[in-house]
Protein backbone atom coordinates (compact mmCIF):
# COMPACT_ATOMS: atom_id res chain seq x y z
CA MET A 1 265.02 44.35 100.36
CA GLU A 2 263.10 41.07 101.66
CA HIS A 3 265.48 38.45 102.51
CA GLN A 4 264.75 34.51 102.30
CA THR A 5 266.15 32.35 104.47
CA GLU A 6 267.40 29.30 102.93
CA GLN A 7 265.53 26.24 104.75
CA PRO A 8 267.29 23.09 105.63
CA ASP A 9 266.66 19.67 103.33
CA THR A 10 264.90 17.55 105.49
CA ASP A 11 263.73 14.98 102.43
CA GLN A 12 266.79 12.89 103.62
CA THR A 13 267.52 9.09 102.89
CA GLY A 14 269.51 6.44 104.39
CA ASP A 15 272.02 7.15 102.18
CA ASP A 16 272.90 10.70 103.60
CA TYR A 17 274.80 8.76 106.26
CA LEU A 18 276.95 7.04 103.89
CA LEU A 19 280.52 7.84 103.30
CA ASP A 20 280.58 10.06 100.05
CA ARG A 21 282.86 8.51 97.81
CA ARG A 22 284.81 12.09 97.00
CA ASP A 23 285.35 12.21 100.49
CA VAL A 24 286.95 8.95 100.58
CA SER A 25 288.52 9.45 96.97
CA ALA A 26 290.45 12.59 98.73
CA ILE A 27 291.43 11.07 101.84
CA LEU A 28 293.06 8.48 99.92
CA ALA A 29 294.78 10.73 97.41
CA ALA A 30 295.66 12.53 100.76
CA VAL A 31 297.48 9.57 102.05
CA ASP A 32 299.00 8.48 98.26
CA ALA A 33 300.75 12.11 98.64
CA GLY A 34 301.69 11.65 102.28
CA ASP A 35 300.03 15.20 102.82
CA TRP A 36 299.35 14.99 106.79
CA GLY A 37 298.05 18.39 107.07
CA ALA A 38 295.23 17.69 104.17
CA LEU A 39 294.34 13.98 106.07
CA ASN A 40 293.79 15.83 109.28
CA THR A 41 291.63 18.47 107.74
CA LEU A 42 289.35 15.72 105.82
CA MET A 43 289.10 13.48 108.72
CA ALA A 44 288.83 16.02 111.34
CA GLY A 45 284.90 16.79 110.21
CA LEU A 46 284.26 12.63 110.10
CA HIS A 47 282.40 11.26 113.27
CA SER A 48 284.41 8.15 115.05
CA ALA A 49 282.01 5.86 113.70
CA ASP A 50 282.17 7.43 110.26
CA ILE A 51 286.07 6.91 110.44
CA ALA A 52 285.39 3.46 111.49
CA ASP A 53 283.37 2.65 108.56
CA LEU A 54 286.44 4.09 106.24
CA LEU A 55 289.09 1.91 107.77
CA GLU A 56 286.51 -0.80 107.59
CA GLN A 57 285.98 -0.42 103.99
CA VAL A 58 289.71 0.10 102.48
CA ASN A 59 292.05 -2.87 101.71
CA ALA A 60 294.68 -3.77 104.83
CA SER A 61 297.41 -1.80 102.91
CA ASP A 62 295.64 1.60 102.39
CA ARG A 63 294.41 1.18 105.76
CA ALA A 64 297.98 0.62 107.38
CA ARG A 65 299.48 3.97 105.35
CA LEU A 66 296.51 6.18 106.49
CA ILE A 67 296.63 5.05 110.14
CA ARG A 68 300.55 5.80 110.34
CA LEU A 69 300.18 8.87 108.62
CA TYR A 70 297.36 10.14 110.70
CA GLY A 71 299.08 9.38 113.93
CA ARG A 72 298.36 11.43 117.19
CA GLY A 73 295.12 12.66 115.62
CA PHE A 74 293.73 9.27 116.16
CA ASP A 75 290.83 9.00 118.47
CA GLY A 76 289.83 6.12 121.04
CA GLU A 77 286.18 6.58 120.08
CA ILE A 78 287.21 5.10 116.54
CA LEU A 79 288.59 2.03 118.01
CA THR A 80 285.22 1.25 119.83
CA GLU A 81 283.28 1.68 116.90
CA LEU A 82 285.67 -0.60 114.45
CA ASP A 83 284.62 -4.33 113.95
CA ASP A 84 286.64 -6.79 116.18
CA SER A 85 288.13 -8.45 113.22
CA VAL A 86 290.05 -5.14 112.00
CA ARG A 87 290.27 -3.54 115.71
CA GLU A 88 293.04 -6.24 116.66
CA GLU A 89 295.03 -5.29 113.29
CA VAL A 90 294.60 -1.72 113.81
CA ILE A 91 295.81 -1.69 117.40
CA ASP A 92 299.12 -3.26 116.10
CA LEU A 93 299.70 -0.58 113.76
CA LEU A 94 299.15 2.05 116.62
CA THR A 95 302.36 3.58 118.34
CA PRO A 96 302.45 2.93 121.95
CA GLN A 97 301.82 6.58 122.47
CA VAL A 98 299.22 7.30 119.99
CA LEU A 99 297.44 3.68 121.63
CA ALA A 100 298.00 5.39 125.07
CA ASP A 101 296.57 8.69 124.16
CA ALA A 102 293.75 6.97 122.54
CA VAL A 103 292.70 4.59 125.12
CA ARG A 104 293.35 6.95 128.50
CA ASP A 105 290.28 9.16 127.39
CA LEU A 106 287.73 6.21 127.19
CA GLU A 107 285.14 5.08 130.08
CA SER A 108 286.12 1.89 131.85
CA ASP A 109 282.84 -0.06 130.48
CA ASP A 110 284.62 1.07 126.46
CA VAL A 111 288.07 -0.54 127.73
CA VAL A 112 286.61 -3.64 128.82
CA ASP A 113 284.59 -3.68 125.37
CA LEU A 114 287.64 -3.53 123.81
CA ILE A 115 289.97 -5.96 124.92
CA GLU A 116 287.61 -8.79 126.23
CA ASP A 117 288.34 -10.57 123.14
CA MET A 118 291.86 -9.67 122.64
CA GLN A 119 294.64 -12.22 123.22
CA GLU A 120 296.63 -11.61 126.28
CA PRO A 121 299.65 -10.05 124.63
CA GLN A 122 297.17 -7.38 123.16
CA GLN A 123 295.42 -6.69 126.36
CA GLU A 124 298.46 -6.22 128.02
CA ALA A 125 299.38 -3.45 125.69
CA ILE A 126 296.44 -1.47 126.67
CA LEU A 127 296.48 -1.78 130.42
CA ASP A 128 299.91 -0.89 130.21
CA VAL A 129 298.82 2.37 129.23
CA LEU A 130 296.29 2.98 131.81
CA GLU A 131 296.57 5.03 134.88
CA ASP A 132 296.83 2.91 137.88
CA SER A 133 292.96 3.14 139.15
CA ASP A 134 291.65 2.90 135.82
CA ARG A 135 293.85 -0.42 135.27
CA VAL A 136 291.98 -2.01 138.20
CA ALA A 137 288.92 -0.77 137.45
CA VAL A 138 289.01 -2.33 134.25
CA GLU A 139 290.81 -5.67 135.54
CA GLN A 140 288.17 -5.79 138.31
CA ALA A 141 285.50 -5.65 135.39
CA LEU A 142 287.16 -8.48 133.23
CA ALA A 143 286.98 -10.67 136.14
CA TYR A 144 283.47 -11.01 135.97
CA PRO A 145 281.83 -13.49 133.94
CA GLU A 146 281.58 -12.94 129.98
CA HIS A 147 278.63 -10.98 128.84
CA SER A 148 277.59 -10.45 132.25
CA ALA A 149 276.42 -6.77 133.62
CA GLY A 150 280.00 -6.64 135.14
CA ARG A 151 281.48 -6.65 131.65
CA LEU A 152 279.06 -4.42 130.53
CA MET A 153 278.84 -1.63 133.48
CA GLN A 154 280.77 1.28 133.78
CA ARG A 155 282.65 2.18 137.23
CA GLU A 156 282.60 6.13 136.76
CA VAL A 157 279.10 7.03 138.71
CA VAL A 158 277.53 9.68 140.63
CA MET A 159 276.19 9.20 143.91
CA VAL A 160 275.11 10.85 146.85
CA PRO A 161 273.77 10.21 150.17
CA ALA A 162 270.05 10.08 150.04
CA HIS A 163 269.26 12.33 152.67
CA TRP A 164 270.80 15.17 150.52
CA ASN A 165 268.91 17.78 148.96
CA VAL A 166 269.13 19.47 145.44
CA GLY A 167 271.69 22.30 146.68
CA GLN A 168 273.96 19.86 147.81
CA ALA A 169 273.97 17.45 144.82
CA ILE A 170 274.72 20.40 142.42
CA ASP A 171 277.57 21.91 144.62
CA PHE A 172 279.03 18.01 144.98
CA MET A 173 279.25 17.81 140.89
CA ARG A 174 280.50 21.35 140.66
CA GLU A 175 283.22 20.66 143.11
CA SER A 176 284.32 17.34 141.71
CA GLU A 177 286.83 16.51 139.29
CA SER A 178 285.91 12.90 138.29
CA LEU A 179 282.34 13.22 136.86
CA PRO A 180 281.83 11.22 133.91
CA ASP A 181 281.89 12.47 130.66
CA GLN A 182 278.30 11.18 129.97
CA PHE A 183 275.61 10.35 132.94
CA TYR A 184 272.01 10.85 133.07
CA HIS A 185 270.91 10.06 136.98
CA VAL A 186 272.30 10.69 140.05
CA ILE A 187 271.97 8.04 142.19
CA LEU A 188 271.35 8.06 146.13
CA VAL A 189 272.48 5.66 148.58
CA ASP A 190 272.10 4.95 151.66
CA PRO A 191 275.10 4.68 154.56
CA ARG A 192 276.10 1.13 153.35
CA LEU A 193 276.08 1.92 149.67
CA HIS A 194 272.65 0.46 148.53
CA PRO A 195 271.07 2.31 145.90
CA VAL A 196 267.76 3.59 146.90
CA GLY A 197 266.72 5.83 144.03
CA ASN A 198 267.49 7.72 140.66
CA VAL A 199 267.38 11.75 140.11
CA THR A 200 267.33 12.65 136.41
CA LEU A 201 269.63 15.58 135.63
CA GLY A 202 266.56 17.37 134.70
CA LYS A 203 265.08 17.60 137.87
CA ILE A 204 268.16 18.41 139.64
CA MET A 205 268.08 21.73 137.53
CA SER A 206 264.47 22.50 137.08
CA SER A 207 263.79 21.81 141.24
CA PRO A 208 264.61 24.52 143.71
CA ARG A 209 267.82 23.75 146.02
CA GLU A 210 266.44 23.25 149.32
CA THR A 211 264.20 20.25 147.71
CA ALA A 212 265.13 16.80 149.27
CA LEU A 213 266.46 14.76 146.25
CA ARG A 214 263.97 11.56 147.65
CA ASP A 215 261.18 13.75 146.58
CA ILE A 216 262.14 13.93 142.99
CA THR A 217 263.34 10.16 142.46
CA GLU A 218 262.16 8.62 139.18
CA ASP A 219 259.03 6.45 139.60
CA VAL A 220 260.76 3.71 137.60
CA PHE A 221 264.10 2.44 139.63
CA ARG A 222 265.67 -0.83 138.69
CA ILE A 223 268.60 -2.36 139.93
CA ILE A 224 270.77 -4.84 138.09
CA PRO A 225 272.99 -7.74 139.81
CA VAL A 226 276.36 -7.59 138.72
CA ALA A 227 276.36 -11.08 137.44
CA GLN A 228 273.13 -11.07 135.53
CA ASP A 229 273.33 -11.68 131.51
CA GLU A 230 273.58 -8.83 129.26
CA GLU A 231 270.47 -10.19 127.46
CA ASP A 232 268.70 -9.94 130.29
CA VAL A 233 269.75 -6.26 130.92
CA ALA A 234 268.94 -5.37 127.77
CA TYR A 235 265.79 -6.90 127.78
CA ALA A 236 264.88 -4.79 131.09
CA PHE A 237 266.12 -1.48 129.59
CA ASN A 238 263.91 -1.86 126.71
CA GLN A 239 261.41 -3.37 128.57
CA TYR A 240 261.00 -0.45 131.34
CA HIS A 241 262.33 2.40 129.05
CA LEU A 242 265.21 2.62 131.36
CA ILE A 243 268.21 5.35 130.66
CA SER A 244 270.37 4.00 133.07
CA ALA A 245 270.50 1.51 136.06
CA PRO A 246 272.98 1.02 138.97
CA VAL A 247 274.85 -2.43 139.37
CA VAL A 248 275.21 -3.89 142.27
CA ASP A 249 277.16 -6.71 143.99
CA GLY A 250 276.16 -9.51 146.11
CA GLU A 251 275.70 -7.64 148.93
CA GLY A 252 273.81 -4.92 147.04
CA ARG A 253 276.33 -2.28 147.07
CA LEU A 254 276.92 -0.01 144.27
CA VAL A 255 279.58 -1.10 142.14
CA GLY A 256 278.82 0.72 138.51
CA MET A 257 276.21 1.88 135.97
CA ILE A 258 275.02 0.77 132.69
CA THR A 259 273.31 3.47 130.24
CA ILE A 260 271.26 3.27 127.38
CA ASP A 261 273.56 3.33 124.74
CA ASP A 262 275.60 -0.04 126.19
CA ALA A 263 272.40 -1.81 126.80
CA MET A 264 271.50 -0.85 122.93
CA ALA A 265 274.12 -2.45 121.45
CA VAL A 266 273.85 -5.79 123.44
CA LEU A 267 270.49 -5.54 121.60
CA ASP A 268 271.91 -4.87 118.15
CA GLU A 269 274.78 -7.59 118.67
CA GLU A 270 271.79 -9.91 119.56
CA HIS A 271 269.76 -9.20 116.56
CA GLU A 272 272.41 -9.44 114.30
CA GLU A 273 273.95 -12.86 115.48
CA ASP A 274 270.29 -14.18 115.48
CA ILE A 275 270.40 -13.57 111.51
CA LEU A 276 273.49 -14.70 111.12
CA ARG A 277 272.92 -18.03 112.90
CA LEU A 278 269.77 -18.32 111.36
CA ALA A 279 271.42 -18.43 107.77
CA GLY A 280 274.19 -20.35 109.08
CA VAL A 281 277.26 -17.96 108.31
CA GLY A 282 278.45 -18.07 112.09
CA GLU A 283 277.80 -15.15 114.51
CA GLU A 284 281.12 -13.06 113.91
CA SER A 285 281.07 -13.13 110.08
CA SER A 286 282.10 -9.82 108.79
CA LEU A 287 282.70 -8.04 105.39
CA SER A 288 286.45 -7.80 106.80
CA ASP A 289 287.32 -11.68 107.27
CA THR A 290 289.50 -13.50 104.70
CA VAL A 291 288.47 -15.84 102.37
CA ILE A 292 289.73 -18.69 104.48
CA ALA A 293 288.64 -17.00 107.78
CA THR A 294 284.61 -17.12 105.80
CA SER A 295 285.13 -20.39 104.12
CA LYS A 296 285.99 -22.06 107.75
CA ARG A 297 282.88 -20.45 109.05
CA ARG A 298 280.43 -21.38 106.38
CA LEU A 299 281.38 -25.20 105.81
CA PRO A 300 280.14 -27.05 108.61
CA TRP A 301 276.58 -25.17 108.16
CA LEU A 302 276.92 -26.45 104.14
CA GLY A 303 278.43 -29.97 105.51
CA VAL A 304 274.78 -29.88 107.37
CA ASN A 305 272.46 -29.10 104.48
CA MET A 306 274.07 -31.36 102.33
CA VAL A 307 273.33 -33.99 104.85
CA SER A 308 269.61 -32.57 104.54
CA ALA A 309 269.66 -32.51 100.98
CA ILE A 310 270.95 -36.49 100.69
CA SER A 311 268.08 -37.53 103.30
CA ALA A 312 265.88 -35.81 100.90
CA SER A 313 267.71 -37.90 97.67
CA LEU A 314 266.82 -40.80 99.42
CA VAL A 315 263.27 -40.43 100.10
CA ILE A 316 263.07 -39.71 96.55
CA SER A 317 264.65 -42.63 95.45
CA GLN A 318 262.24 -44.98 97.10
CA PHE A 319 259.64 -43.61 94.18
CA GLU A 320 261.73 -44.44 91.00
CA ASP A 321 259.28 -46.35 89.47
CA THR A 322 256.38 -43.71 90.14
CA ILE A 323 258.69 -41.05 88.67
CA SER A 324 259.84 -43.07 85.74
CA GLN A 325 256.10 -43.64 84.96
CA PHE A 326 255.12 -39.92 85.12
CA ILE A 327 257.80 -37.73 84.37
CA SER A 328 255.69 -34.55 85.24
CA LEU A 329 256.27 -35.65 88.93
CA ALA A 330 259.90 -34.56 88.69
CA ILE A 331 258.87 -31.30 87.25
CA LEU A 332 256.64 -30.51 90.09
CA MET A 333 257.80 -31.87 93.40
CA PRO A 334 260.48 -28.91 93.68
CA ILE A 335 257.39 -26.51 94.13
CA VAL A 336 256.06 -28.74 97.09
CA ALA A 337 259.09 -28.53 99.21
CA SER A 338 260.43 -25.17 98.34
CA MET A 339 256.78 -23.69 99.05
CA GLY A 340 256.83 -25.69 102.47
CA GLY A 341 260.63 -24.74 103.02
CA ASN A 342 259.49 -20.60 102.72
CA ALA A 343 256.71 -21.26 105.07
CA GLY A 344 258.64 -22.93 107.36
CA THR A 345 261.28 -19.84 107.40
CA GLN A 346 258.35 -17.46 107.99
CA SER A 347 257.25 -19.13 111.13
CA LEU A 348 260.84 -19.54 112.01
CA THR A 349 261.56 -16.12 111.88
CA VAL A 350 258.64 -14.96 113.87
CA ALA A 351 259.23 -17.71 116.28
CA VAL A 352 262.85 -17.21 117.01
CA ARG A 353 262.26 -13.42 117.49
CA ALA A 354 259.50 -13.93 119.78
CA LEU A 355 261.88 -15.82 122.19
CA ALA A 356 264.41 -13.12 122.10
CA THR A 357 262.12 -10.65 123.03
CA LYS A 358 260.09 -13.00 125.49
CA ASP A 359 257.16 -12.57 123.46
CA LEU A 360 256.47 -15.99 123.37
CA THR A 361 256.12 -17.99 126.61
CA SER A 362 254.93 -21.19 127.93
CA ALA A 363 251.73 -19.47 128.66
CA ASN A 364 250.93 -18.32 125.12
CA ALA A 365 252.67 -20.91 123.35
CA LEU A 366 249.87 -23.34 122.22
CA ARG A 367 248.22 -20.19 121.06
CA VAL A 368 250.95 -19.54 118.74
CA ILE A 369 251.44 -22.92 117.49
CA ARG A 370 247.64 -23.25 116.59
CA ARG A 371 247.81 -19.86 114.72
CA GLU A 372 250.84 -20.99 112.82
CA LEU A 373 248.89 -24.11 111.84
CA PHE A 374 245.82 -22.13 110.90
CA VAL A 375 247.85 -19.87 108.55
CA GLY A 376 249.57 -22.33 107.00
CA LEU A 377 246.36 -24.26 106.09
CA ILE A 378 244.44 -21.05 104.47
CA ASN A 379 247.88 -20.35 103.08
CA GLY A 380 248.30 -24.04 101.57
CA LEU A 381 244.66 -24.31 100.51
CA VAL A 382 244.99 -20.82 98.36
CA PHE A 383 248.16 -22.06 96.73
CA ALA A 384 246.60 -25.35 96.02
CA THR A 385 243.90 -23.99 94.46
CA VAL A 386 246.64 -22.56 92.09
CA LEU A 387 248.75 -25.87 91.50
CA GLY A 388 245.65 -28.18 91.15
CA VAL A 389 245.03 -25.54 87.82
CA VAL A 390 248.44 -25.77 86.75
CA GLY A 391 248.48 -29.17 87.14
CA LEU A 392 245.10 -29.66 84.93
CA VAL A 393 246.17 -26.88 82.33
CA TRP A 394 250.19 -27.99 82.17
CA PHE A 395 249.48 -31.70 81.81
CA GLY A 396 246.10 -31.95 81.23
CA SER A 397 245.34 -34.35 84.75
CA PRO A 398 243.04 -33.64 87.00
CA LEU A 399 244.30 -35.76 89.21
CA LEU A 400 247.67 -34.69 89.15
CA GLY A 401 246.50 -31.22 90.32
CA ALA A 402 244.80 -32.96 93.11
CA VAL A 403 247.79 -34.57 94.14
CA ILE A 404 250.09 -31.56 93.94
CA GLY A 405 247.60 -29.88 95.76
CA ALA A 406 247.12 -31.92 98.96
CA ALA A 407 250.25 -32.51 99.28
CA LEU A 408 251.19 -28.82 99.19
CA VAL A 409 248.41 -27.81 101.88
CA ILE A 410 249.76 -30.80 104.11
CA ASN A 411 253.43 -29.70 103.93
CA MET A 412 252.36 -25.82 104.67
CA VAL A 413 250.70 -27.03 107.75
CA ILE A 414 253.54 -29.09 108.67
CA ALA A 415 255.92 -26.23 107.92
CA GLY A 416 253.81 -23.73 110.11
CA LEU A 417 254.14 -26.49 113.05
CA ALA A 418 257.85 -27.27 112.72
CA GLY A 419 258.74 -23.57 112.35
CA THR A 420 257.08 -22.81 115.52
CA VAL A 421 257.82 -25.93 117.40
CA VAL A 422 261.26 -26.60 116.74
CA PRO A 423 262.41 -23.24 118.20
CA VAL A 424 260.45 -23.44 121.49
CA VAL A 425 261.49 -27.15 122.12
CA LEU A 426 264.98 -26.10 121.41
CA ASP A 427 264.58 -23.07 123.82
CA LYS A 428 263.47 -25.33 126.50
CA LEU A 429 266.42 -27.78 126.38
CA GLN A 430 268.76 -24.28 126.59
CA ILE A 431 269.82 -25.03 122.94
CA ASP A 432 269.97 -21.51 121.05
CA PRO A 433 266.88 -21.44 118.20
CA ALA A 434 268.46 -19.27 116.21
CA LEU A 435 271.52 -21.67 115.82
CA ALA A 436 269.90 -24.88 115.27
CA SER A 437 266.41 -24.12 113.93
CA GLY A 438 266.80 -23.72 110.26
CA THR A 439 268.25 -26.90 109.88
CA PHE A 440 265.47 -28.82 111.18
CA VAL A 441 262.85 -26.87 109.84
CA THR A 442 264.69 -27.32 106.14
CA THR A 443 264.92 -30.86 106.72
CA THR A 444 261.27 -31.46 107.72
CA THR A 445 259.59 -29.68 104.80
CA ASP A 446 262.03 -31.10 102.10
CA VAL A 447 261.92 -34.73 103.53
CA MET A 448 257.84 -34.47 104.20
CA GLY A 449 257.32 -32.44 101.17
CA PHE A 450 258.56 -35.15 98.70
CA PHE A 451 257.34 -38.09 100.76
CA ILE A 452 254.01 -36.65 100.92
CA PHE A 453 253.54 -35.79 97.04
CA LEU A 454 255.24 -38.63 95.86
CA GLY A 455 253.63 -41.26 98.07
CA LEU A 456 250.21 -39.42 97.51
CA ALA A 457 250.89 -39.85 93.38
CA SER A 458 251.92 -43.45 93.85
CA VAL A 459 248.85 -44.15 95.56
CA VAL A 460 246.69 -42.43 93.24
CA LEU A 461 248.10 -42.32 89.71
CA ILE A 462 249.12 -45.81 89.61
């Protein structure tokens, strides 16, 4: 009899990685019933990231009851996956013993990431449960500047003398009792502990024992200064396709190692911050924030936008007589400002992203600005033709169609210029372009859009 093997379903979507609502309901039901056995069974099949998502999605009361019932099953990896605003609350709910067990198994870089933004009492609570050697390593890392490679690195490294061969390296690793849980390279060092090369574990395992380690080092070898900004570290990993890289102190001695997962986490955080800043909602915004905290973060930016709107209104007020004679202007003028604002946002988004990835530099800035000007001109001409016809058909006035068409072309060109020049200038002034560009560009396109449209109308129609 022929047996058929069931093929796995490869037609997956993003929903396949979301928490199943039935699982969440079952977990909350176990919490309501106080059934630790059922809860432990349900949670056992979840990844730490999924458990973190679960804790972030449920309300504060359910979160507290779940954590108290789960107890010793709580893993330190869950803490590293939690959003900052929820993490502190969860740590306060854990008993000292559970917290100690959860933190002890973490790598030093994970512990640093866990506590660097906490208040001092919570920092001490975690440091107190670490072994003396681990506590010293974490405290030394915290002494480095915030957002530096020293904060990002892990102290646990595998280093061997550069003159060793493969067999010696294998024997050393087999006999070692303190290897990191995860590592990708063995770092070769000279007698002064200066790193001189990386050898992948794959090369070590596939080479004869007598092979000199120097003969199988990686072609790409980058050393990270301990004080280097973490954004530059992440850029280096992305640019040169690094898996891990040694970190050195001011004298070039090996003090730690950064791995690709930490570098990619920085990139992810930077991208998230840029998006939140562009929207003016604060770089630390989270769905777990309270109403008051969310309001406080958004109020300043709404205030700035109100000033922008008032500026545009003042421009409109200067053409009150023109608008009173041609009511159709009041109907059409939001189109010019809106189209300019959207075009400016498009250019701005591309420019901010290019600055973050170092693709937009002084060498090509003029070329990019020129490109955006021509894009604005072409798009403006296309939509000016459409609006010209609309003005003619809707209001029966060819001159009105010509006015709104001309205003739209000019404002689209200004939008392309502002969307590129503003972030470039702010970047040169050492001001984060993602934080401040949006307000300048929106104000420019609104004010100029109304001024150009109403000004042309005053000259042509009256």
